Amino acid sequence: MSVMTDMAQEEIKMEMTPMIDVTFLLLIFFLLTLKFKVLEGKLSAYLPKDVGVNSSQADPIEKVEVYITVLKAGSKVFPPADKERRGQPFVADPDKPEARFEYKGRVLEYGLGPKKTKDLKKLFTWVKEARDRDEEAPSTIHTFPGCSYGDVVPVLDNLVDAGFDKITFAGEEKARKKK
């Protein structure tokens, strides 16, 4: 029985070298037999560009573009709703960030294509005429430096009242060069 007790007391060790060799052999085998799938969407196709379903030129879409330019900035004053400070120069109060102001002496110019006016009612008639010519035409509002939200909203109201439903905003553009 001494042989059995000697075997039981011996520590069994696993040899790691053959396991690592087998792992590397399997890795090399899989790398060499790996095939990448060719993308079917990358087929070379030399199709004629002037023949086919959409061979005709698309008609250009005429957009109604309204421009808002500040000719004279004016000064900020308290609005008539503020009975104590009405008409006085506006000074921002950090305790009342919701305080409102209006512009006194502000002059805006509205443009519709080459036409220019300072009157919102005239702009509305031009916008209405443009809408009557093409009911599907989209519209864009372009603003120039110095414009505020209060300047854009009446123009937006005019476009909506005229019946436009596709209205985009071009954002603030660089100042126009005077001719």
N, C-alpha and C. Protein backbone atom coordinates (compact mmCIF):
# COMPACT_ATOMS: atom_id res chain seq x y z
N MET A 1 0.80 -1.20 0.00
CA MET A 1 0.00 0.00 0.00
C MET A 1 0.84 1.25 0.00
N SER A 2 2.04 1.08 0.17
CA SER A 2 2.89 2.25 0.21
C SER A 2 2.94 2.96 -1.14
N VAL A 3 2.77 2.25 -2.21
CA VAL A 3 2.77 2.88 -3.54
C VAL A 3 1.56 3.79 -3.67
N MET A 4 0.44 3.38 -3.16
CA MET A 4 -0.78 4.18 -3.25
C MET A 4 -0.68 5.41 -2.38
N THR A 5 -0.11 5.27 -1.22
CA THR A 5 0.02 6.44 -0.37
C THR A 5 1.04 7.41 -0.92
N ASP A 6 2.08 6.91 -1.57
CA ASP A 6 3.06 7.80 -2.20
C ASP A 6 2.42 8.57 -3.36
N MET A 7 1.59 7.92 -4.12
CA MET A 7 0.93 8.57 -5.25
C MET A 7 -0.08 9.60 -4.77
N ALA A 8 -0.73 9.32 -3.69
CA ALA A 8 -1.73 10.25 -3.18
C ALA A 8 -1.08 11.51 -2.63
N GLN A 9 0.13 11.35 -2.12
CA GLN A 9 0.81 12.51 -1.54
C GLN A 9 1.54 13.34 -2.60
N GLU A 10 1.80 12.78 -3.76
CA GLU A 10 2.46 13.54 -4.81
C GLU A 10 1.49 14.57 -5.38
N GLU A 11 2.05 15.71 -5.66
CA GLU A 11 1.23 16.79 -6.23
C GLU A 11 1.15 16.60 -7.74
N ILE A 12 -0.03 16.69 -8.27
CA ILE A 12 -0.22 16.53 -9.71
C ILE A 12 -0.04 17.89 -10.37
N LYS A 13 0.86 17.95 -11.34
CA LYS A 13 1.12 19.19 -12.05
C LYS A 13 0.68 19.03 -13.49
N MET A 14 0.04 20.11 -14.02
CA MET A 14 -0.34 20.08 -15.44
C MET A 14 0.74 20.80 -16.23
N GLU A 15 1.10 20.24 -17.34
CA GLU A 15 2.08 20.86 -18.20
C GLU A 15 1.37 21.88 -19.08
N MET A 16 1.80 23.14 -19.04
CA MET A 16 1.15 24.21 -19.78
C MET A 16 1.71 24.36 -21.19
N THR A 17 2.91 23.94 -21.43
CA THR A 17 3.54 24.12 -22.74
C THR A 17 2.74 23.47 -23.86
N PRO A 18 2.32 22.22 -23.74
CA PRO A 18 1.53 21.64 -24.84
C PRO A 18 0.19 22.34 -25.03
N MET A 19 -0.42 22.85 -23.97
CA MET A 19 -1.71 23.54 -24.10
C MET A 19 -1.54 24.86 -24.85
N ILE A 20 -0.46 25.57 -24.57
CA ILE A 20 -0.20 26.82 -25.27
C ILE A 20 0.10 26.55 -26.74
N ASP A 21 0.86 25.47 -27.02
CA ASP A 21 1.16 25.11 -28.40
C ASP A 21 -0.13 24.81 -29.18
N VAL A 22 -1.02 24.08 -28.58
CA VAL A 22 -2.29 23.74 -29.24
C VAL A 22 -3.13 25.00 -29.47
N THR A 23 -3.13 25.91 -28.50
CA THR A 23 -3.90 27.15 -28.65
C THR A 23 -3.37 27.98 -29.81
N PHE A 24 -2.05 28.09 -29.93
CA PHE A 24 -1.47 28.86 -31.04
C PHE A 24 -1.72 28.18 -32.38
N LEU A 25 -1.65 26.85 -32.41
CA LEU A 25 -1.93 26.14 -33.65
C LEU A 25 -3.38 26.37 -34.09
N LEU A 26 -4.31 26.32 -33.16
CA LEU A 26 -5.72 26.58 -33.49
C LEU A 26 -5.92 28.02 -33.98
N LEU A 27 -5.27 28.96 -33.34
CA LEU A 27 -5.37 30.37 -33.74
C LEU A 27 -4.86 30.57 -35.16
N ILE A 28 -3.71 29.98 -35.46
CA ILE A 28 -3.15 30.09 -36.82
C ILE A 28 -4.06 29.42 -37.83
N PHE A 29 -4.61 28.26 -37.49
CA PHE A 29 -5.51 27.55 -38.39
C PHE A 29 -6.72 28.42 -38.72
N PHE A 30 -7.36 29.03 -37.71
CA PHE A 30 -8.55 29.83 -37.96
C PHE A 30 -8.23 31.11 -38.73
N LEU A 31 -7.09 31.71 -38.48
CA LEU A 31 -6.71 32.90 -39.23
C LEU A 31 -6.45 32.60 -40.70
N LEU A 32 -5.84 31.45 -40.99
CA LEU A 32 -5.54 31.10 -42.37
C LEU A 32 -6.78 30.65 -43.14
N THR A 33 -7.75 30.10 -42.48
CA THR A 33 -8.95 29.62 -43.18
C THR A 33 -10.08 30.64 -43.19
N LEU A 34 -9.87 31.80 -42.59
CA LEU A 34 -10.90 32.83 -42.52
C LEU A 34 -11.09 33.49 -43.88
N LYS A 35 -12.34 33.60 -44.32
CA LYS A 35 -12.65 34.27 -45.58
C LYS A 35 -13.59 35.42 -45.27
N PHE A 36 -13.24 36.62 -45.73
CA PHE A 36 -14.09 37.78 -45.53
C PHE A 36 -15.18 37.80 -46.59
N LYS A 37 -16.37 38.17 -46.17
CA LYS A 37 -17.50 38.23 -47.10
C LYS A 37 -17.37 39.48 -47.96
N VAL A 38 -17.51 39.30 -49.25
CA VAL A 38 -17.44 40.42 -50.18
C VAL A 38 -18.78 41.13 -50.14
N LEU A 39 -18.74 42.46 -49.98
CA LEU A 39 -19.98 43.23 -49.93
C LEU A 39 -20.63 43.26 -51.31
N GLU A 40 -21.89 42.85 -51.37
CA GLU A 40 -22.58 42.82 -52.65
C GLU A 40 -22.95 44.22 -53.13
N GLY A 41 -23.03 45.18 -52.21
CA GLY A 41 -23.40 46.53 -52.59
C GLY A 41 -22.30 47.29 -53.28
N LYS A 42 -21.11 46.73 -53.34
CA LYS A 42 -19.98 47.42 -53.96
C LYS A 42 -19.72 46.90 -55.37
N LEU A 43 -20.77 46.56 -56.08
CA LEU A 43 -20.61 46.11 -57.45
C LEU A 43 -20.37 47.30 -58.35
N SER A 44 -19.47 47.14 -59.29
CA SER A 44 -19.21 48.22 -60.23
C SER A 44 -20.36 48.27 -61.23
N ALA A 45 -20.95 49.42 -61.35
CA ALA A 45 -22.06 49.59 -62.29
C ALA A 45 -21.82 50.86 -63.09
N TYR A 46 -21.71 50.71 -64.38
CA TYR A 46 -21.50 51.85 -65.24
C TYR A 46 -22.80 52.10 -65.97
N LEU A 47 -23.70 52.87 -65.32
CA LEU A 47 -25.00 53.14 -65.89
C LEU A 47 -24.98 54.49 -66.59
N PRO A 48 -25.71 54.61 -67.68
CA PRO A 48 -25.78 55.92 -68.34
C PRO A 48 -26.54 56.92 -67.48
N LYS A 49 -26.07 58.13 -67.46
CA LYS A 49 -26.67 59.13 -66.58
C LYS A 49 -27.79 59.92 -67.26
N ASP A 50 -27.88 59.90 -68.58
CA ASP A 50 -28.89 60.70 -69.26
C ASP A 50 -30.06 59.88 -69.78
N VAL A 51 -30.11 58.57 -69.49
CA VAL A 51 -31.18 57.71 -69.95
C VAL A 51 -31.77 57.01 -68.74
N GLY A 52 -33.08 56.85 -68.74
CA GLY A 52 -33.71 56.12 -67.65
C GLY A 52 -35.00 56.75 -67.23
N VAL A 53 -35.48 56.35 -66.07
CA VAL A 53 -36.77 56.81 -65.57
C VAL A 53 -36.77 58.32 -65.33
N ASN A 54 -35.74 58.84 -64.70
CA ASN A 54 -35.67 60.26 -64.38
C ASN A 54 -34.71 60.99 -65.32
N SER A 55 -34.91 60.81 -66.62
CA SER A 55 -33.99 61.42 -67.56
C SER A 55 -34.25 62.91 -67.77
N SER A 56 -35.44 63.38 -67.42
CA SER A 56 -35.75 64.80 -67.62
C SER A 56 -35.23 65.62 -66.44
N GLN A 57 -34.92 66.85 -66.72
CA GLN A 57 -34.46 67.75 -65.68
C GLN A 57 -35.62 68.12 -64.77
N ALA A 58 -35.37 68.20 -63.49
CA ALA A 58 -36.40 68.61 -62.54
C ALA A 58 -36.58 70.12 -62.64
N ASP A 59 -37.81 70.55 -62.56
CA ASP A 59 -38.09 71.98 -62.59
C ASP A 59 -37.58 72.62 -61.31
N PRO A 60 -36.89 73.74 -61.44
CA PRO A 60 -36.41 74.39 -60.22
C PRO A 60 -37.57 74.91 -59.38
N ILE A 61 -37.44 74.77 -58.08
CA ILE A 61 -38.49 75.22 -57.17
C ILE A 61 -38.24 76.68 -56.83
N GLU A 62 -39.25 77.49 -57.05
CA GLU A 62 -39.13 78.91 -56.72
C GLU A 62 -39.46 79.10 -55.25
N LYS A 63 -38.51 79.64 -54.52
CA LYS A 63 -38.71 79.88 -53.10
C LYS A 63 -39.08 81.33 -52.87
N VAL A 64 -39.88 81.55 -51.85
CA VAL A 64 -40.21 82.91 -51.42
C VAL A 64 -39.25 83.24 -50.28
N GLU A 65 -38.31 84.14 -50.56
CA GLU A 65 -37.29 84.47 -49.58
C GLU A 65 -37.51 85.89 -49.06
N VAL A 66 -37.70 85.97 -47.75
CA VAL A 66 -37.94 87.26 -47.10
C VAL A 66 -36.69 87.63 -46.33
N TYR A 67 -36.25 88.88 -46.51
CA TYR A 67 -35.05 89.37 -45.84
C TYR A 67 -35.43 90.43 -44.82
N ILE A 68 -34.80 90.37 -43.65
CA ILE A 68 -35.02 91.37 -42.61
C ILE A 68 -33.68 92.03 -42.31
N THR A 69 -33.63 93.34 -42.52
CA THR A 69 -32.40 94.09 -42.29
C THR A 69 -32.68 95.22 -41.31
N VAL A 70 -31.79 95.43 -40.36
CA VAL A 70 -31.92 96.53 -39.40
C VAL A 70 -31.19 97.73 -40.00
N LEU A 71 -31.96 98.77 -40.35
CA LEU A 71 -31.34 99.99 -40.89
C LEU A 71 -30.86 100.91 -39.77
N LYS A 72 -31.67 100.99 -38.71
CA LYS A 72 -31.31 101.82 -37.56
C LYS A 72 -31.67 101.03 -36.31
N ALA A 73 -30.69 100.83 -35.43
CA ALA A 73 -30.88 99.97 -34.26
C ALA A 73 -31.87 100.54 -33.26
N GLY A 74 -31.91 101.84 -33.07
CA GLY A 74 -32.79 102.42 -32.06
C GLY A 74 -32.25 102.19 -30.67
N SER A 75 -33.03 102.59 -29.68
CA SER A 75 -32.59 102.42 -28.29
C SER A 75 -33.63 101.59 -27.53
N LYS A 76 -33.15 100.87 -26.52
CA LYS A 76 -34.03 100.03 -25.70
C LYS A 76 -34.68 100.90 -24.63
N VAL A 77 -36.02 100.80 -24.53
CA VAL A 77 -36.76 101.52 -23.49
C VAL A 77 -37.75 100.54 -22.85
N PHE A 78 -38.23 100.92 -21.67
CA PHE A 78 -39.23 100.10 -21.00
C PHE A 78 -40.56 100.23 -21.75
N PRO A 79 -41.32 99.14 -21.86
CA PRO A 79 -42.56 99.16 -22.62
C PRO A 79 -43.69 99.87 -21.88
N PRO A 80 -44.80 100.19 -22.57
CA PRO A 80 -45.93 100.85 -21.91
C PRO A 80 -46.55 100.03 -20.78
N ALA A 81 -46.37 98.72 -20.79
CA ALA A 81 -46.93 97.89 -19.72
C ALA A 81 -46.27 98.18 -18.37
N ASP A 82 -45.05 98.65 -18.37
CA ASP A 82 -44.35 99.01 -17.14
C ASP A 82 -44.68 100.47 -16.82
N LYS A 83 -45.74 100.66 -16.03
CA LYS A 83 -46.29 102.00 -15.82
C LYS A 83 -45.31 102.95 -15.11
N GLU A 84 -44.45 102.45 -14.22
CA GLU A 84 -43.53 103.32 -13.48
C GLU A 84 -42.39 103.84 -14.37
N ARG A 85 -41.83 102.93 -15.21
CA ARG A 85 -40.63 103.29 -15.96
C ARG A 85 -40.90 103.43 -17.46
N ARG A 86 -42.13 103.54 -17.87
CA ARG A 86 -42.52 103.58 -19.27
C ARG A 86 -41.72 104.64 -20.03
N GLY A 87 -41.08 104.22 -21.15
CA GLY A 87 -40.34 105.13 -22.01
C GLY A 87 -38.94 105.47 -21.53
N GLN A 88 -38.59 105.09 -20.31
CA GLN A 88 -37.24 105.37 -19.81
C GLN A 88 -36.24 104.39 -20.43
N PRO A 89 -34.97 104.77 -20.53
CA PRO A 89 -33.97 103.84 -21.09
C PRO A 89 -33.92 102.54 -20.29
N PHE A 90 -33.87 101.46 -21.01
CA PHE A 90 -33.89 100.13 -20.39
C PHE A 90 -32.52 99.81 -19.82
N VAL A 91 -32.52 99.38 -18.56
CA VAL A 91 -31.30 98.90 -17.90
C VAL A 91 -31.63 97.52 -17.35
N ALA A 92 -30.84 96.53 -17.75
CA ALA A 92 -31.09 95.16 -17.30
C ALA A 92 -30.89 95.06 -15.79
N ASP A 93 -31.85 94.42 -15.13
CA ASP A 93 -31.81 94.24 -13.69
C ASP A 93 -31.57 92.75 -13.41
N PRO A 94 -30.45 92.39 -12.78
CA PRO A 94 -30.19 90.96 -12.53
C PRO A 94 -31.23 90.31 -11.63
N ASP A 95 -31.92 91.11 -10.81
CA ASP A 95 -32.96 90.54 -9.94
C ASP A 95 -34.23 90.22 -10.72
N LYS A 96 -34.43 90.89 -11.85
CA LYS A 96 -35.62 90.66 -12.68
C LYS A 96 -35.19 90.33 -14.11
N PRO A 97 -34.73 89.10 -14.34
CA PRO A 97 -34.28 88.76 -15.69
C PRO A 97 -35.43 88.71 -16.69
N GLU A 98 -36.67 88.64 -16.20
CA GLU A 98 -37.83 88.56 -17.09
C GLU A 98 -38.30 89.93 -17.56
N ALA A 99 -37.62 90.99 -17.17
CA ALA A 99 -38.01 92.34 -17.58
C ALA A 99 -37.99 92.47 -19.09
N ARG A 100 -38.98 93.14 -19.63
CA ARG A 100 -39.11 93.30 -21.07
C ARG A 100 -38.73 94.70 -21.49
N PHE A 101 -38.40 94.82 -22.77
CA PHE A 101 -38.08 96.13 -23.32
C PHE A 101 -38.63 96.20 -24.74
N GLU A 102 -38.66 97.38 -25.28
CA GLU A 102 -39.02 97.56 -26.67
C GLU A 102 -38.03 98.55 -27.27
N TYR A 103 -38.01 98.61 -28.58
CA TYR A 103 -37.09 99.52 -29.26
C TYR A 103 -37.81 100.82 -29.61
N LYS A 104 -37.12 101.91 -29.40
CA LYS A 104 -37.65 103.22 -29.77
C LYS A 104 -36.74 103.75 -30.89
N GLY A 105 -37.36 104.14 -32.00
CA GLY A 105 -36.60 104.67 -33.12
C GLY A 105 -35.95 103.59 -33.98
N ARG A 106 -36.40 102.36 -33.87
CA ARG A 106 -35.83 101.25 -34.64
C ARG A 106 -36.43 101.25 -36.04
N VAL A 107 -35.60 101.09 -37.05
CA VAL A 107 -36.06 101.06 -38.44
C VAL A 107 -35.61 99.75 -39.07
N LEU A 108 -36.59 98.99 -39.56
CA LEU A 108 -36.31 97.72 -40.23
C LEU A 108 -36.67 97.82 -41.70
N GLU A 109 -35.97 97.06 -42.51
CA GLU A 109 -36.29 96.98 -43.93
C GLU A 109 -36.58 95.52 -44.25
N TYR A 110 -37.70 95.30 -44.93
CA TYR A 110 -38.11 93.96 -45.32
C TYR A 110 -37.91 93.84 -46.82
N GLY A 111 -37.42 92.70 -47.24
CA GLY A 111 -37.22 92.47 -48.66
C GLY A 111 -37.83 91.16 -49.09
N LEU A 112 -38.41 91.19 -50.29
CA LEU A 112 -38.94 89.97 -50.90
C LEU A 112 -38.36 89.95 -52.31
N GLY A 113 -37.27 89.20 -52.46
CA GLY A 113 -36.56 89.24 -53.73
C GLY A 113 -35.93 90.62 -53.90
N PRO A 114 -36.16 91.25 -55.05
CA PRO A 114 -35.59 92.59 -55.26
C PRO A 114 -36.42 93.71 -54.63
N LYS A 115 -37.65 93.42 -54.24
CA LYS A 115 -38.53 94.45 -53.65
C LYS A 115 -38.12 94.71 -52.21
N LYS A 116 -38.16 95.99 -51.82
CA LYS A 116 -37.82 96.35 -50.44
C LYS A 116 -38.85 97.34 -49.92
N THR A 117 -39.16 97.20 -48.62
CA THR A 117 -40.11 98.10 -47.99
C THR A 117 -39.83 98.16 -46.49
N LYS A 118 -40.38 99.20 -45.86
CA LYS A 118 -40.28 99.32 -44.41
C LYS A 118 -41.64 99.05 -43.76
N ASP A 119 -42.64 98.74 -44.57
CA ASP A 119 -44.01 98.55 -44.11
C ASP A 119 -44.37 97.06 -44.11
N LEU A 120 -44.80 96.55 -42.96
CA LEU A 120 -45.17 95.14 -42.85
C LEU A 120 -46.41 94.81 -43.68
N LYS A 121 -47.35 95.75 -43.78
CA LYS A 121 -48.58 95.50 -44.56
C LYS A 121 -48.26 95.32 -46.04
N LYS A 122 -47.32 96.12 -46.55
CA LYS A 122 -46.92 95.98 -47.94
C LYS A 122 -46.23 94.64 -48.15
N LEU A 123 -45.40 94.24 -47.18
CA LEU A 123 -44.75 92.94 -47.26
C LEU A 123 -45.79 91.83 -47.31
N PHE A 124 -46.85 91.96 -46.51
CA PHE A 124 -47.90 90.94 -46.49
C PHE A 124 -48.56 90.83 -47.86
N THR A 125 -48.83 91.95 -48.52
CA THR A 125 -49.46 91.87 -49.85
C THR A 125 -48.53 91.19 -50.84
N TRP A 126 -47.23 91.48 -50.78
CA TRP A 126 -46.28 90.83 -51.68
C TRP A 126 -46.21 89.33 -51.41
N VAL A 127 -46.21 88.96 -50.13
CA VAL A 127 -46.15 87.55 -49.75
C VAL A 127 -47.41 86.83 -50.21
N LYS A 128 -48.55 87.47 -50.05
CA LYS A 128 -49.83 86.89 -50.46
C LYS A 128 -49.86 86.68 -51.98
N GLU A 129 -49.34 87.66 -52.73
CA GLU A 129 -49.28 87.52 -54.19
C GLU A 129 -48.37 86.36 -54.59
N ALA A 130 -47.25 86.23 -53.92
CA ALA A 130 -46.33 85.13 -54.20
C ALA A 130 -46.98 83.78 -53.89
N ARG A 131 -47.75 83.73 -52.82
CA ARG A 131 -48.45 82.49 -52.44
C ARG A 131 -49.53 82.15 -53.46
N ASP A 132 -50.23 83.17 -53.99
CA ASP A 132 -51.27 82.93 -54.98
C ASP A 132 -50.68 82.41 -56.29
N ARG A 133 -49.45 82.84 -56.63
CA ARG A 133 -48.80 82.37 -57.86
C ARG A 133 -48.41 80.90 -57.75
N ASP A 134 -47.90 80.49 -56.58
CA ASP A 134 -47.46 79.11 -56.39
C ASP A 134 -47.80 78.67 -54.97
N GLU A 135 -48.81 77.83 -54.85
CA GLU A 135 -49.28 77.40 -53.52
C GLU A 135 -48.34 76.41 -52.85
N GLU A 136 -47.47 75.76 -53.61
CA GLU A 136 -46.57 74.76 -53.05
C GLU A 136 -45.19 75.33 -52.72
N ALA A 137 -44.98 76.60 -53.00
CA ALA A 137 -43.64 77.18 -52.82
C ALA A 137 -43.25 77.23 -51.35
N PRO A 138 -42.02 76.84 -51.04
CA PRO A 138 -41.53 77.00 -49.67
C PRO A 138 -41.06 78.43 -49.44
N SER A 139 -40.91 78.81 -48.20
CA SER A 139 -40.46 80.16 -47.89
C SER A 139 -39.31 80.10 -46.89
N THR A 140 -38.46 81.12 -46.96
CA THR A 140 -37.30 81.20 -46.07
C THR A 140 -37.20 82.61 -45.53
N ILE A 141 -36.91 82.73 -44.24
CA ILE A 141 -36.70 84.03 -43.61
C ILE A 141 -35.21 84.18 -43.36
N HIS A 142 -34.63 85.23 -43.96
CA HIS A 142 -33.21 85.54 -43.78
C HIS A 142 -33.10 86.75 -42.85
N THR A 143 -32.26 86.64 -41.84
CA THR A 143 -32.04 87.78 -40.94
C THR A 143 -30.60 88.25 -41.06
N PHE A 144 -30.40 89.52 -40.77
CA PHE A 144 -29.07 90.11 -40.83
C PHE A 144 -28.69 90.61 -39.45
N PRO A 145 -27.42 90.94 -39.22
CA PRO A 145 -26.96 91.32 -37.89
C PRO A 145 -27.83 92.40 -37.25
N GLY A 146 -28.13 92.20 -35.97
CA GLY A 146 -28.94 93.16 -35.22
C GLY A 146 -30.40 92.77 -35.09
N CYS A 147 -30.86 91.75 -35.83
CA CYS A 147 -32.26 91.32 -35.76
C CYS A 147 -32.50 90.57 -34.46
N SER A 148 -33.68 90.78 -33.91
CA SER A 148 -34.06 90.07 -32.69
C SER A 148 -35.27 89.19 -33.01
N TYR A 149 -35.65 88.37 -32.04
CA TYR A 149 -36.83 87.53 -32.24
C TYR A 149 -38.08 88.37 -32.49
N GLY A 150 -38.14 89.50 -31.83
CA GLY A 150 -39.28 90.40 -32.01
C GLY A 150 -39.38 90.95 -33.42
N ASP A 151 -38.28 90.96 -34.15
CA ASP A 151 -38.31 91.41 -35.54
C ASP A 151 -38.77 90.28 -36.47
N VAL A 152 -38.48 89.05 -36.11
CA VAL A 152 -38.77 87.90 -36.96
C VAL A 152 -40.23 87.45 -36.82
N VAL A 153 -40.79 87.55 -35.63
CA VAL A 153 -42.13 87.01 -35.37
C VAL A 153 -43.20 87.66 -36.24
N PRO A 154 -43.23 89.00 -36.43
CA PRO A 154 -44.26 89.56 -37.32
C PRO A 154 -44.14 89.06 -38.76
N VAL A 155 -42.91 88.86 -39.23
CA VAL A 155 -42.73 88.33 -40.59
C VAL A 155 -43.22 86.89 -40.66
N LEU A 156 -42.92 86.11 -39.63
CA LEU A 156 -43.41 84.73 -39.57
C LEU A 156 -44.94 84.72 -39.55
N ASP A 157 -45.54 85.61 -38.78
CA ASP A 157 -47.01 85.71 -38.76
C ASP A 157 -47.56 86.03 -40.14
N ASN A 158 -46.89 86.94 -40.87
CA ASN A 158 -47.33 87.28 -42.22
C ASN A 158 -47.29 86.06 -43.14
N LEU A 159 -46.23 85.28 -43.06
CA LEU A 159 -46.12 84.10 -43.90
C LEU A 159 -47.19 83.07 -43.57
N VAL A 160 -47.44 82.87 -42.29
CA VAL A 160 -48.47 81.90 -41.87
C VAL A 160 -49.85 82.40 -42.29
N ASP A 161 -50.12 83.69 -42.11
CA ASP A 161 -51.42 84.25 -42.50
C ASP A 161 -51.63 84.17 -44.02
N ALA A 162 -50.54 84.25 -44.77
CA ALA A 162 -50.65 84.16 -46.23
C ALA A 162 -50.89 82.72 -46.69
N GLY A 163 -50.65 81.75 -45.80
CA GLY A 163 -50.93 80.35 -46.14
C GLY A 163 -49.70 79.49 -46.34
N PHE A 164 -48.54 79.99 -46.04
CA PHE A 164 -47.33 79.17 -46.18
C PHE A 164 -47.26 78.17 -45.04
N ASP A 165 -46.90 76.93 -45.39
CA ASP A 165 -46.73 75.92 -44.34
C ASP A 165 -45.32 75.34 -44.33
N LYS A 166 -44.53 75.64 -45.35
CA LYS A 166 -43.13 75.20 -45.39
C LYS A 166 -42.26 76.43 -45.20
N ILE A 167 -41.93 76.72 -43.95
CA ILE A 167 -41.15 77.92 -43.63
C ILE A 167 -39.85 77.49 -42.97
N THR A 168 -38.74 78.00 -43.50
CA THR A 168 -37.44 77.70 -42.90
C THR A 168 -36.77 79.02 -42.50
N PHE A 169 -35.81 78.91 -41.60
CA PHE A 169 -35.06 80.06 -41.13
C PHE A 169 -33.61 79.89 -41.56
N ALA A 170 -33.09 80.90 -42.24
CA ALA A 170 -31.72 80.81 -42.74
C ALA A 170 -30.72 81.24 -41.69
N GLY A 171 -31.15 81.85 -40.62
CA GLY A 171 -30.23 82.30 -39.60
C GLY A 171 -29.64 83.65 -39.94
N GLU A 172 -28.75 84.11 -39.08
CA GLU A 172 -28.17 85.44 -39.29
C GLU A 172 -27.12 85.36 -40.39
N GLU A 173 -27.21 86.27 -41.33
CA GLU A 173 -26.27 86.31 -42.43
C GLU A 173 -25.36 87.51 -42.27
N LYS A 174 -24.33 87.56 -43.09
CA LYS A 174 -23.43 88.70 -43.06
C LYS A 174 -24.17 89.93 -43.58
N ALA A 175 -23.75 91.07 -43.14
CA ALA A 175 -24.41 92.32 -43.53
C ALA A 175 -24.32 92.49 -45.05
N ARG A 176 -25.40 93.00 -45.62
CA ARG A 176 -25.43 93.27 -47.06
C ARG A 176 -24.54 94.46 -47.37
N LYS A 177 -23.95 94.39 -48.55
CA LYS A 177 -23.13 95.51 -49.00
C LYS A 177 -24.05 96.57 -49.58
N LYS A 178 -23.84 97.80 -49.21
CA LYS A 178 -24.65 98.90 -49.73
C LYS A 178 -24.24 99.18 -51.17
N LYS A 179 -25.24 99.34 -52.03
CA LYS A 179 -24.97 99.63 -53.45
C LYS A 179 -25.19 101.09 -53.74
